[in-house]
Amino acid sequence: MRKHSPDSIAVLGGDCLIDLEPFAWLSERWGDGLGILWLDTHPDVMTPAQYENAHGHVVGALMGNGDPDLTMRVKKR
């Protein structure tokens, strides 16, 4: 991503953890101008205390909440 600096990224397939890195990168690039369309059967805003599996933490981590191993991947402005 850093090599090609795309303006947008489409992520299809895999579990929700695959979304963390590209969305964190886009968040760093676009800041408050970033919008994400998240289509899933659950919101993925859980914390480790609420749900053990990390794939349920991704959106929360992008917002700076939850597991430090995930939130450290997201730069906040």
Protein backbone atom coordinates (compact mmCIF):
# COMPACT_ATOMS: atom_id res chain seq x y z
CA MET A 1 0.00 0.00 0.00
CA ARG A 2 2.74 2.44 0.88
CA LYS A 3 4.57 1.68 -2.37
CA HIS A 4 1.56 2.39 -4.61
CA SER A 5 -0.33 4.91 -2.40
CA PRO A 6 -3.84 4.05 -3.65
CA ASP A 7 -6.68 6.53 -3.12
CA SER A 8 -9.10 3.69 -2.36
CA ILE A 9 -8.99 0.01 -1.52
CA ALA A 10 -11.65 -2.68 -1.91
CA VAL A 11 -11.31 -5.62 0.47
CA LEU A 12 -13.36 -8.73 -0.31
CA GLY A 13 -13.22 -12.04 1.49
CA GLY A 14 -11.25 -13.38 4.39
CA ASP A 15 -12.16 -12.74 7.99
CA CYS A 16 -12.56 -9.22 9.32
CA LEU A 17 -8.94 -8.96 10.51
CA ILE A 18 -7.85 -8.64 6.87
CA ASP A 19 -9.50 -5.19 6.86
CA LEU A 20 -7.49 -3.66 9.69
CA GLU A 21 -4.27 -2.80 7.83
CA PRO A 22 -5.77 -1.32 4.65
CA PHE A 23 -8.38 0.68 6.57
CA ALA A 24 -5.79 1.88 9.10
CA TRP A 25 -3.61 3.00 6.19
CA LEU A 26 -6.51 4.83 4.52
CA SER A 27 -7.42 6.43 7.85
CA GLU A 28 -3.88 7.76 8.11
CA ARG A 29 -4.03 9.03 4.53
CA TRP A 30 -7.52 10.63 4.59
CA GLY A 31 -8.08 11.43 8.28
CA ASP A 32 -11.61 12.65 9.00
CA GLY A 33 -12.40 12.56 5.27
CA LEU A 34 -12.43 8.73 5.26
CA GLY A 35 -15.70 6.86 4.99
CA ILE A 36 -16.00 3.09 5.31
CA LEU A 37 -18.96 1.04 4.16
CA TRP A 38 -18.91 -1.97 6.52
CA LEU A 39 -21.23 -4.82 5.52
CA ASP A 40 -21.21 -7.65 8.01
CA THR A 41 -23.53 -9.69 10.18
CA HIS A 42 -22.11 -8.07 13.31
CA PRO A 43 -20.55 -4.62 13.93
CA ASP A 44 -17.02 -5.75 14.94
CA VAL A 45 -16.78 -3.16 17.72
CA MET A 46 -16.26 -5.66 20.54
CA THR A 47 -13.36 -5.65 22.99
CA PRO A 48 -11.49 -8.72 24.25
CA ALA A 49 -13.57 -8.57 27.44
CA GLN A 50 -16.77 -8.79 25.38
CA TYR A 51 -15.73 -11.26 22.69
CA GLU A 52 -12.63 -13.44 22.62
CA ASN A 53 -11.99 -13.63 18.86
CA ALA A 54 -10.10 -10.68 17.35
CA HIS A 55 -12.11 -10.68 14.12
CA GLY A 56 -14.90 -9.07 16.17
CA HIS A 57 -12.68 -6.15 17.22
CA VAL A 58 -11.66 -4.54 13.91
CA VAL A 59 -14.03 -1.55 13.67
CA GLY A 60 -13.54 -0.81 17.35
CA ALA A 61 -9.76 -0.84 16.84
CA LEU A 62 -10.11 1.56 13.90
CA MET A 63 -11.95 3.90 16.28
CA GLY A 64 -9.17 3.52 18.87
CA ASN A 65 -11.04 1.20 21.26
CA GLY A 66 -10.18 -2.31 22.37
CA ASP A 67 -7.23 -4.63 22.17
CA PRO A 68 -3.91 -2.69 22.26
CA ASP A 69 -2.38 -5.21 19.83
CA LEU A 70 -4.89 -3.94 17.25
CA THR A 71 -5.28 -0.27 18.23
CA MET A 72 -1.52 0.28 17.97
CA ARG A 73 -1.86 -0.42 14.23
CA VAL A 74 -4.06 2.66 13.80
CA LYS A 75 -2.53 6.14 13.91
CA LYS A 76 -4.84 8.71 15.46
CA ARG A 77 -4.66 12.38 14.56
